[in-house]
PDB file of N, CA and C in Angstrom:
ATOM      1  N   MET A   1     -27.293   7.590  -0.889  1.00  0.00           N
ATOM      2  CA  MET A   1     -26.605   6.306  -1.497  1.00  0.00           C
ATOM      3  C   MET A   1     -27.067   5.430  -0.800  1.00  0.00           C
ATOM      4  N   LYS A   2     -27.175   5.710   0.869  1.00  0.00           N
ATOM      5  CA  LYS A   2     -27.352   4.799   1.912  1.00  0.00           C
ATOM      6  C   LYS A   2     -28.687   4.414   1.695  1.00  0.00           C
ATOM      7  N   ALA A   3     -29.569   5.461   1.369  1.00  0.00           N
ATOM      8  CA  ALA A   3     -30.867   5.108   1.299  1.00  0.00           C
ATOM      9  C   ALA A   3     -31.227   4.240  -0.001  1.00  0.00           C
ATOM     10  N   ALA A   4     -30.702   4.341  -1.080  1.00  0.00           N
ATOM     11  CA  ALA A   4     -30.816   3.652  -2.425  1.00  0.00           C
ATOM     12  C   ALA A   4     -30.302   2.375  -2.028  1.00  0.00           C
ATOM     13  N   ALA A   5     -29.306   1.926  -1.151  1.00  0.00           N
ATOM     14  CA  ALA A   5     -28.732   0.596  -0.993  1.00  0.00           C
ATOM     15  C   ALA A   5     -29.818  -0.155  -0.176  1.00  0.00           C
ATOM     16  N   GLU A   6     -30.494   0.702   0.990  1.00  0.00           N
ATOM     17  CA  GLU A   6     -31.395   0.366   1.681  1.00  0.00           C
ATOM     18  C   GLU A   6     -32.823  -0.409   0.926  1.00  0.00           C
ATOM     19  N   THR A   7     -33.055   0.655   0.034  1.00  0.00           N
ATOM     20  CA  THR A   7     -34.360   0.228  -0.701  1.00  0.00           C
ATOM     21  C   THR A   7     -33.978  -1.223  -1.563  1.00  0.00           C
ATOM     22  N   GLU A   8     -32.625  -1.221  -2.136  1.00  0.00           N
ATOM     23  CA  GLU A   8     -32.550  -2.110  -2.964  1.00  0.00           C
ATOM     24  C   GLU A   8     -32.583  -3.401  -2.214  1.00  0.00           C
ATOM     25  N   LEU A   9     -31.901  -3.421  -0.963  1.00  0.00           N
ATOM     26  CA  LEU A   9     -31.830  -5.017   0.016  1.00  0.00           C
ATOM     27  C   LEU A   9     -33.512  -4.958   0.385  1.00  0.00           C
ATOM     28  N   LEU A  10     -34.335  -4.120   0.342  1.00  0.00           N
ATOM     29  CA  LEU A  10     -35.295  -4.395   0.780  1.00  0.00           C
ATOM     30  C   LEU A  10     -36.246  -5.038  -0.127  1.00  0.00           C
ATOM     31  N   GLU A  11     -36.137  -4.408  -1.772  1.00  0.00           N
ATOM     32  CA  GLU A  11     -36.697  -5.185  -2.871  1.00  0.00           C
ATOM     33  C   GLU A  11     -36.452  -6.576  -2.972  1.00  0.00           C
ATOM     34  N   ILE A  12     -34.968  -7.108  -2.555  1.00  0.00           N
ATOM     35  CA  ILE A  12     -34.546  -8.118  -2.706  1.00  0.00           C
ATOM     36  C   ILE A  12     -35.090  -9.156  -1.788  1.00  0.00           C
ATOM     37  N   SER A  13     -35.245  -8.613  -0.325  1.00  0.00           N
ATOM     38  CA  SER A  13     -35.371  -9.524   0.632  1.00  0.00           C
ATOM     39  C   SER A  13     -37.102  -9.673   0.475  1.00  0.00           C
ATOM     40  N   ARG A  14     -37.942  -8.793  -0.210  1.00  0.00           N
ATOM     41  CA  ARG A  14     -39.161  -9.330  -0.384  1.00  0.00           C
ATOM     42  C   ARG A  14     -39.520 -10.487  -1.522  1.00  0.00           C
ATOM     43  N   LYS A  15     -38.473 -10.642  -2.371  1.00  0.00           N
ATOM     44  CA  LYS A  15     -38.371 -11.915  -3.270  1.00  0.00           C
ATOM     45  C   LYS A  15     -37.972 -13.343  -2.747  1.00  0.00           C
ATOM     46  N   LEU A  16     -37.367 -13.203  -1.390  1.00  0.00           N
ATOM     47  CA  LEU A  16     -37.130 -14.472  -0.743  1.00  0.00           C
ATOM     48  C   LEU A  16     -38.280 -15.047  -0.048  1.00  0.00           C
ATOM     49  N   SER A  17     -37.648 -16.414   0.114  1.00  0.00           N
ATOM     50  CA  SER A  17     -38.874 -17.168   0.809  1.00  0.00           C
ATOM     51  C   SER A  17     -38.292 -16.771   2.227  1.00  0.00           C
ATOM     52  N   PRO A  18     -39.368 -17.091   3.246  1.00  0.00           N
ATOM     53  CA  PRO A  18     -39.221 -16.802   4.407  1.00  0.00           C
ATOM     54  C   PRO A  18     -38.006 -17.422   5.158  1.00  0.00           C
ATOM     55  N   LYS A  19     -37.613 -18.541   5.145  1.00  0.00           N
ATOM     56  CA  LYS A  19     -36.626 -19.301   5.411  1.00  0.00           C
ATOM     57  C   LYS A  19     -35.268 -18.579   4.837  1.00  0.00           C
ATOM     58  N   LYS A  20     -35.394 -18.375   3.679  1.00  0.00           N
ATOM     59  CA  LYS A  20     -33.788 -17.687   2.828  1.00  0.00           C
ATOM     60  C   LYS A  20     -33.959 -15.961   3.471  1.00  0.00           C
ATOM     61  N   ARG A  21     -34.859 -15.629   3.886  1.00  0.00           N
ATOM     62  CA  ARG A  21     -34.861 -13.814   4.285  1.00  0.00           C
ATOM     63  C   ARG A  21     -34.253 -14.393   5.767  1.00  0.00           C
ATOM     64  N   ARG A  22     -34.425 -15.240   6.612  1.00  0.00           N
ATOM     65  CA  ARG A  22     -34.316 -15.493   8.089  1.00  0.00           C
ATOM     66  C   ARG A  22     -32.563 -15.918   7.949  1.00  0.00           C
ATOM     67  N   GLU A  23     -32.257 -16.766   7.124  1.00  0.00           N
ATOM     68  CA  GLU A  23     -30.682 -16.977   6.757  1.00  0.00           C
ATOM     69  C   GLU A  23     -30.159 -15.489   6.334  1.00  0.00           C
ATOM     70  N   TRP A  24     -30.779 -14.764   5.394  1.00  0.00           N
ATOM     71  CA  TRP A  24     -29.964 -13.475   5.029  1.00  0.00           C
ATOM     72  C   TRP A  24     -29.816 -12.651   6.014  1.00  0.00           C
ATOM     73  N   LEU A  25     -30.756 -12.682   6.976  1.00  0.00           N
ATOM     74  CA  LEU A  25     -30.731 -11.615   8.170  1.00  0.00           C
ATOM     75  C   LEU A  25     -29.625 -11.992   9.091  1.00  0.00           C
ATOM     76  N   SER A  26     -29.549 -13.495   9.557  1.00  0.00           N
ATOM     77  CA  SER A  26     -28.719 -13.813  10.102  1.00  0.00           C
ATOM     78  C   SER A  26     -27.314 -13.445   9.900  1.00  0.00           C
ATOM     79  N   TYR A  27     -27.030 -13.669   8.197  1.00  0.00           N
ATOM     80  CA  TYR A  27     -25.713 -13.776   7.731  1.00  0.00           C
ATOM     81  C   TYR A  27     -25.168 -11.787   7.921  1.00  0.00           C
ATOM     82  N   GLY A  28     -26.227 -11.105   7.716  1.00  0.00           N
ATOM     83  CA  GLY A  28     -26.115  -9.679   7.800  1.00  0.00           C
ATOM     84  C   GLY A  28     -25.818  -9.206   9.374  1.00  0.00           C
ATOM     85  N   ARG A  29     -26.280  -9.873  10.173  1.00  0.00           N
ATOM     86  CA  ARG A  29     -26.141  -9.494  11.650  1.00  0.00           C
ATOM     87  C   ARG A  29     -24.475  -9.962  12.142  1.00  0.00           C
ATOM     88  N   THR A  30     -24.176 -11.248  11.478  1.00  0.00           N
ATOM     89  CA  THR A  30     -23.036 -11.774  11.685  1.00  0.00           C
ATOM     90  C   THR A  30     -21.873 -10.804  10.853  1.00  0.00           C
ATOM     91  N   LEU A  31     -22.073 -10.379   9.710  1.00  0.00           N
ATOM     92  CA  LEU A  31     -21.108  -9.229   9.046  1.00  0.00           C
ATOM     93  C   LEU A  31     -21.035  -7.742   9.731  1.00  0.00           C
ATOM     94  N   THR A  32     -22.269  -7.644  10.289  1.00  0.00           N
ATOM     95  CA  THR A  32     -22.276  -6.277  11.307  1.00  0.00           C
ATOM     96  C   THR A  32     -21.654  -6.474  12.537  1.00  0.00           C
ATOM     97  N   THR A  33     -21.590  -7.482  13.220  1.00  0.00           N
ATOM     98  CA  THR A  33     -20.937  -7.779  14.300  1.00  0.00           C
ATOM     99  C   THR A  33     -19.517  -7.787  14.009  1.00  0.00           C
ATOM    100  N   GLN A  34     -19.252  -8.594  13.172  1.00  0.00           N
ATOM    101  CA  GLN A  34     -17.601  -8.479  12.567  1.00  0.00           C
ATOM    102  C   GLN A  34     -16.927  -7.196  12.207  1.00  0.00           C
ATOM    103  N   THR A  35     -17.583  -6.431  11.635  1.00  0.00           N
ATOM    104  CA  THR A  35     -17.121  -4.932  11.198  1.00  0.00           C
ATOM    105  C   THR A  35     -17.150  -4.106  12.400  1.00  0.00           C
ATOM    106  N   GLU A  36     -18.273  -4.335  13.271  1.00  0.00           N
ATOM    107  CA  GLU A  36     -17.939  -3.451  14.645  1.00  0.00           C
ATOM    108  C   GLU A  36     -16.629  -3.770  15.379  1.00  0.00           C
ATOM    109  N   LYS A  37     -16.612  -5.191  15.329  1.00  0.00           N
ATOM    110  CA  LYS A  37     -15.360  -5.581  16.329  1.00  0.00           C
ATOM    111  C   LYS A  37     -14.039  -4.821  15.604  1.00  0.00           C
ATOM    112  N   LYS A  38     -14.061  -5.162  14.312  1.00  0.00           N
ATOM    113  CA  LYS A  38     -13.095  -4.612  13.358  1.00  0.00           C
ATOM    114  C   LYS A  38     -12.905  -2.785  13.822  1.00  0.00           C
ATOM    115  N   SER A  39     -13.929  -2.200  13.819  1.00  0.00           N
ATOM    116  CA  SER A  39     -13.862  -0.870  13.964  1.00  0.00           C
ATOM    117  C   SER A  39     -13.457  -0.488  15.689  1.00  0.00           C
ATOM    118  N   ALA A  40     -13.731  -1.335  16.658  1.00  0.00           N
ATOM    119  CA  ALA A  40     -13.295  -1.090  17.772  1.00  0.00           C
ATOM    120  C   ALA A  40     -11.841  -1.115  17.992  1.00  0.00           C
ATOM    121  N   VAL A  41     -10.933  -2.272  17.180  1.00  0.00           N
ATOM    122  CA  VAL A  41      -9.658  -2.307  17.227  1.00  0.00           C
ATOM    123  C   VAL A  41      -9.142  -1.191  16.273  1.00  0.00           C
ATOM    124  N   VAL A  42      -9.807  -1.081  15.272  1.00  0.00           N
ATOM    125  CA  VAL A  42      -8.765   0.230  14.587  1.00  0.00           C
ATOM    126  C   VAL A  42      -8.924   1.536  15.390  1.00  0.00           C
ATOM    127  N   GLU A  43     -10.013   1.563  16.169  1.00  0.00           N
ATOM    128  CA  GLU A  43     -10.045   3.054  16.722  1.00  0.00           C
ATOM    129  C   GLU A  43      -8.909   3.461  17.812  1.00  0.00           C
ATOM    130  N   GLU A  44      -8.051   2.255  18.290  1.00  0.00           N
ATOM    131  CA  GLU A  44      -7.264   2.861  18.986  1.00  0.00           C
ATOM    132  C   GLU A  44      -5.875   2.598  18.473  1.00  0.00           C
ATOM    133  N   ASP A  45      -5.148   3.887  18.665  1.00  0.00           N
ATOM    134  CA  ASP A  45      -4.335   3.827  17.621  1.00  0.00           C
ATOM    135  C   ASP A  45      -2.839   3.481  18.759  1.00  0.00           C
ATOM    136  N   SER A  46      -1.779   3.330  17.956  1.00  0.00           N
ATOM    137  CA  SER A  46      -0.670   2.425  18.383  1.00  0.00           C
ATOM    138  C   SER A  46      -0.243   3.279  19.615  1.00  0.00           C
ATOM    139  N   ASP A  47       0.106   4.293  19.607  1.00  0.00           N
ATOM    140  CA  ASP A  47       0.352   5.065  20.937  1.00  0.00           C
ATOM    141  C   ASP A  47      -0.428   4.967  22.153  1.00  0.00           C
ATOM    142  N   ALA A  48      -1.761   4.752  22.137  1.00  0.00           N
ATOM    143  CA  ALA A  48      -2.814   4.644  22.969  1.00  0.00           C
ATOM    144  C   ALA A  48      -2.425   2.813  23.653  1.00  0.00           C
ATOM    145  N   ALA A  49      -2.173   2.016  22.495  1.00  0.00           N
ATOM    146  CA  ALA A  49      -2.155   0.944  22.974  1.00  0.00           C
ATOM    147  C   ALA A  49      -0.817   0.454  23.778  1.00  0.00           C
ATOM    148  N   TRP A  50       0.247   1.446  23.009  1.00  0.00           N
ATOM    149  CA  TRP A  50       1.214   0.951  24.224  1.00  0.00           C
ATOM    150  C   TRP A  50       1.275   1.920  25.376  1.00  0.00           C
ATOM    151  N   GLU A  51       0.837   2.798  25.507  1.00  0.00           N
ATOM    152  CA  GLU A  51       0.188   3.387  26.977  1.00  0.00           C
ATOM    153  C   GLU A  51      -0.463   2.803  27.927  1.00  0.00           C
ATOM    154  N   ARG A  52      -1.470   1.829  27.237  1.00  0.00           N
ATOM    155  CA  ARG A  52      -2.282   0.794  27.980  1.00  0.00           C
ATOM    156  C   ARG A  52      -1.330  -0.017  28.421  1.00  0.00           C
ATOM    157  N   ILE A  53      -0.246  -0.714  27.670  1.00  0.00           N
ATOM    158  CA  ILE A  53       0.211  -1.860  27.890  1.00  0.00           C
ATOM    159  C   ILE A  53       1.266  -1.367  29.088  1.00  0.00           C
ATOM    160  N   ILE A  54       1.841  -0.254  29.185  1.00  0.00           N
ATOM    161  CA  ILE A  54       2.768   0.300  29.785  1.00  0.00           C
ATOM    162  C   ILE A  54       2.462   0.739  31.320  1.00  0.00           C
ATOM    163  N   ALA A  55       0.782   1.056  31.252  1.00  0.00           N
ATOM    164  CA  ALA A  55       0.171   1.516  32.572  1.00  0.00           C
ATOM    165  C   ALA A  55      -0.038   0.208  33.132  1.00  0.00           C
ATOM    166  N   ASP A  56      -0.288  -1.183  32.486  1.00  0.00           N
ATOM    167  CA  ASP A  56      -0.345  -2.470  33.085  1.00  0.00           C
ATOM    168  C   ASP A  56       0.288  -2.630  34.178  1.00  0.00           C
ATOM    169  N   SER A  57      -0.134  -3.483  35.317  1.00  0.00           N
ATOM    170  CA  SER A  57       0.886  -3.576  36.208  1.00  0.00           C
ATOM    171  C   SER A  57       1.161  -5.167  36.129  1.00  0.00           C
ATOM    172  N   LYS A  58       0.627  -5.702  35.131  1.00  0.00           N
ATOM    173  CA  LYS A  58       1.075  -7.078  35.129  1.00  0.00           C
ATOM    174  C   LYS A  58       2.283  -7.003  34.713  1.00  0.00           C
ATOM    175  N   PRO A  59       3.268  -8.121  35.375  1.00  0.00           N
ATOM    176  CA  PRO A  59       4.577  -8.395  35.152  1.00  0.00           C
ATOM    177  C   PRO A  59       4.817  -8.683  33.856  1.00  0.00           C
ATOM    178  N   ARG A  60       5.936  -8.186  32.994  1.00  0.00           N
ATOM    179  CA  ARG A  60       6.018  -8.865  32.141  1.00  0.00           C
ATOM    180  C   ARG A  60       7.810  -8.742  31.885  1.00  0.00           C
ATOM    181  N   PRO A  61       8.292  -9.989  32.190  1.00  0.00           N
ATOM    182  CA  PRO A  61       9.846 -10.248  32.410  1.00  0.00           C
ATOM    183  C   PRO A  61      10.246  -9.973  30.924  1.00  0.00           C
ATOM    184  N   LYS A  62       9.898 -10.890  29.938  1.00  0.00           N
ATOM    185  CA  LYS A  62      10.731 -10.417  28.778  1.00  0.00           C
ATOM    186  C   LYS A  62      10.599  -9.198  28.209  1.00  0.00           C
ATOM    187  N   LEU A  63       9.648  -8.346  28.297  1.00  0.00           N
ATOM    188  CA  LEU A  63       9.754  -6.976  28.180  1.00  0.00           C
ATOM    189  C   LEU A  63      10.969  -6.188  28.876  1.00  0.00           C
ATOM    190  N   ASP A  64      10.847  -6.520  30.273  1.00  0.00           N
ATOM    191  CA  ASP A  64      11.616  -5.835  30.973  1.00  0.00           C
ATOM    192  C   ASP A  64      13.408  -6.268  30.796  1.00  0.00           C
ATOM    193  N   ALA A  65      13.584  -7.494  30.636  1.00  0.00           N
ATOM    194  CA  ALA A  65      14.854  -8.034  30.228  1.00  0.00           C
ATOM    195  C   ALA A  65      14.997  -7.224  28.609  1.00  0.00           C
ATOM    196  N   MET A  66      14.279  -7.541  27.716  1.00  0.00           N
ATOM    197  CA  MET A  66      14.955  -6.702  26.498  1.00  0.00           C
ATOM    198  C   MET A  66      15.034  -5.033  26.866  1.00  0.00           C
ATOM    199  N   ALA A  67      14.400  -4.329  27.699  1.00  0.00           N
ATOM    200  CA  ALA A  67      14.480  -3.376  28.139  1.00  0.00           C
ATOM    201  C   ALA A  67      15.717  -3.093  28.514  1.00  0.00           C
ATOM    202  N   ALA A  68      16.214  -3.766  29.391  1.00  0.00           N
ATOM    203  CA  ALA A  68      17.471  -3.734  30.265  1.00  0.00           C
ATOM    204  C   ALA A  68      18.646  -4.115  29.250  1.00  0.00           C
ATOM    205  N   LYS A  69      18.620  -4.924  28.384  1.00  0.00           N
ATOM    206  CA  LYS A  69      19.555  -5.160  27.437  1.00  0.00           C
ATOM    207  C   LYS A  69      19.898  -3.892  26.333  1.00  0.00           C
ATOM    208  N   ILE A  70      18.792  -3.191  26.032  1.00  0.00           N
ATOM    209  CA  ILE A  70      19.042  -2.306  25.272  1.00  0.00           C
ATOM    210  C   ILE A  70      19.799  -0.836  26.143  1.00  0.00           C
ATOM    211  N   LEU A  71      19.194  -0.724  27.286  1.00  0.00           N
ATOM    212  CA  LEU A  71      19.917   0.402  28.024  1.00  0.00           C
ATOM    213  C   LEU A  71      21.328  -0.095  28.344  1.00  0.00           C
ATOM    214  N   ALA A  72      21.493  -1.347  28.573  1.00  0.00           N
ATOM    215  CA  ALA A  72      22.908  -1.928  28.722  1.00  0.00           C
ATOM    216  C   ALA A  72      23.752  -1.486  27.476  1.00  0.00           C
ATOM    217  N   GLU A  73      23.385  -1.794  26.421  1.00  0.00           N
ATOM    218  CA  GLU A  73      24.161  -1.345  25.120  1.00  0.00           C
ATOM    219  C   GLU A  73      24.095  -0.171  24.715  1.00  0.00           C
ATOM    220  N   MET A  74      22.939   0.944  25.034  1.00  0.00           N
ATOM    221  CA  MET A  74      23.006   2.223  24.852  1.00  0.00           C
ATOM    222  C   MET A  74      24.230   2.804  25.488  1.00  0.00           C
ATOM    223  N   LYS A  75      24.204   2.439  26.929  1.00  0.00           N
ATOM    224  CA  LYS A  75      25.302   2.708  28.399  1.00  0.00           C
ATOM    225  C   LYS A  75      26.737   2.541  27.733  1.00  0.00           C
ATOM    226  N   SER A  76      26.710   1.359  26.865  1.00  0.00           N
ATOM    227  CA  SER A  76      28.117   1.282  26.752  1.00  0.00           C
ATOM    228  C   SER A  76      28.700   1.861  25.389  1.00  0.00           C
ATOM    229  N   GLY A  77      27.929   2.818  24.792  1.00  0.00           N
ATOM    230  CA  GLY A  77      27.996   3.226  23.750  1.00  0.00           C
ATOM    231  C   GLY A  77      28.150   2.502  22.258  1.00  0.00           C
ATOM    232  N   LYS A  78      27.424   1.550  22.484  1.00  0.00           N
ATOM    233  CA  LYS A  78      27.628   0.329  21.318  1.00  0.00           C
ATOM    234  C   LYS A  78      26.670   1.040  20.207  1.00  0.00           C
ATOM    235  N   HIS A  79      27.333   0.870  19.052  1.00  0.00           N
ATOM    236  CA  HIS A  79      26.354   1.916  17.927  1.00  0.00           C
ATOM    237  C   HIS A  79      24.966   1.016  17.389  1.00  0.00           C
ATOM    238  N   PHE A  80      23.931   1.817  17.726  1.00  0.00           N
ATOM    239  CA  PHE A  80      22.750   1.513  16.664  1.00  0.00           C
ATOM    240  C   PHE A  80      22.183   1.669  15.395  1.00  0.00           C
ATOM    241  N   PRO A  81      22.448   0.787  14.690  1.00  0.00           N
ATOM    242  CA  PRO A  81      22.380   1.187  13.188  1.00  0.00           C
ATOM    243  C   PRO A  81      20.883   1.924  13.042  1.00  0.00           C
ATOM    244  N   PRO A  82      20.529   2.907  11.653  1.00  0.00           N
ATOM    245  CA  PRO A  82      19.381   3.446  11.718  1.00  0.00           C
ATOM    246  C   PRO A  82      18.259   2.175  11.543  1.00  0.00           C
ATOM    247  N   MET A  83      17.084   2.767  11.800  1.00  0.00           N
ATOM    248  CA  MET A  83      16.085   1.570  11.364  1.00  0.00           C
ATOM    249  C   MET A  83      15.615   1.718  10.026  1.00  0.00           C
ATOM    250  N   ARG A  84      15.253   0.428   9.754  1.00  0.00           N
ATOM    251  CA  ARG A  84      14.860   0.586   8.218  1.00  0.00           C
ATOM    252  C   ARG A  84      13.343   0.061   8.445  1.00  0.00           C
ATOM    253  N   VAL A  85      12.506   0.348   7.317  1.00  0.00           N
ATOM    254  CA  VAL A  85      11.021  -0.006   6.973  1.00  0.00           C
ATOM    255  C   VAL A  85      10.858  -1.764   7.016  1.00  0.00           C
ATOM    256  N   GLU A  86      11.989  -2.487   6.486  1.00  0.00           N
ATOM    257  CA  GLU A  86      12.091  -3.755   6.735  1.00  0.00           C
ATOM    258  C   GLU A  86      12.266  -4.442   7.948  1.00  0.00           C
ATOM    259  N   ASP A  87      12.529  -3.177   8.956  1.00  0.00           N
ATOM    260  CA  ASP A  87      12.804  -3.779  10.326  1.00  0.00           C
ATOM    261  C   ASP A  87      11.793  -3.838  11.070  1.00  0.00           C
ATOM    262  N   LEU A  88      10.588  -3.308  11.035  1.00  0.00           N
ATOM    263  CA  LEU A  88       9.319  -3.119  11.172  1.00  0.00           C
ATOM    264  C   LEU A  88       8.441  -4.397  11.489  1.00  0.00           C
TER     265      LEU A  88
END
């Protein structure tokens, strides 16, 4: 399938003027770059992303404050309703 698509693209490119061929090549490179960037982002799963954030030594005062508040609520026995999909 890939070879057939490549052959078709080559045939189309031969029909273009040199200027249009350069523009088309530039556009293809842009698409490839965007696709590679998206792939790199998708490859890191959410657990790995959280592990990276947690391991970072950079101070995160808002995150620390939220964690402290949640721990205090848990220790006080405050009821936590079950999470729903809409909450995410």
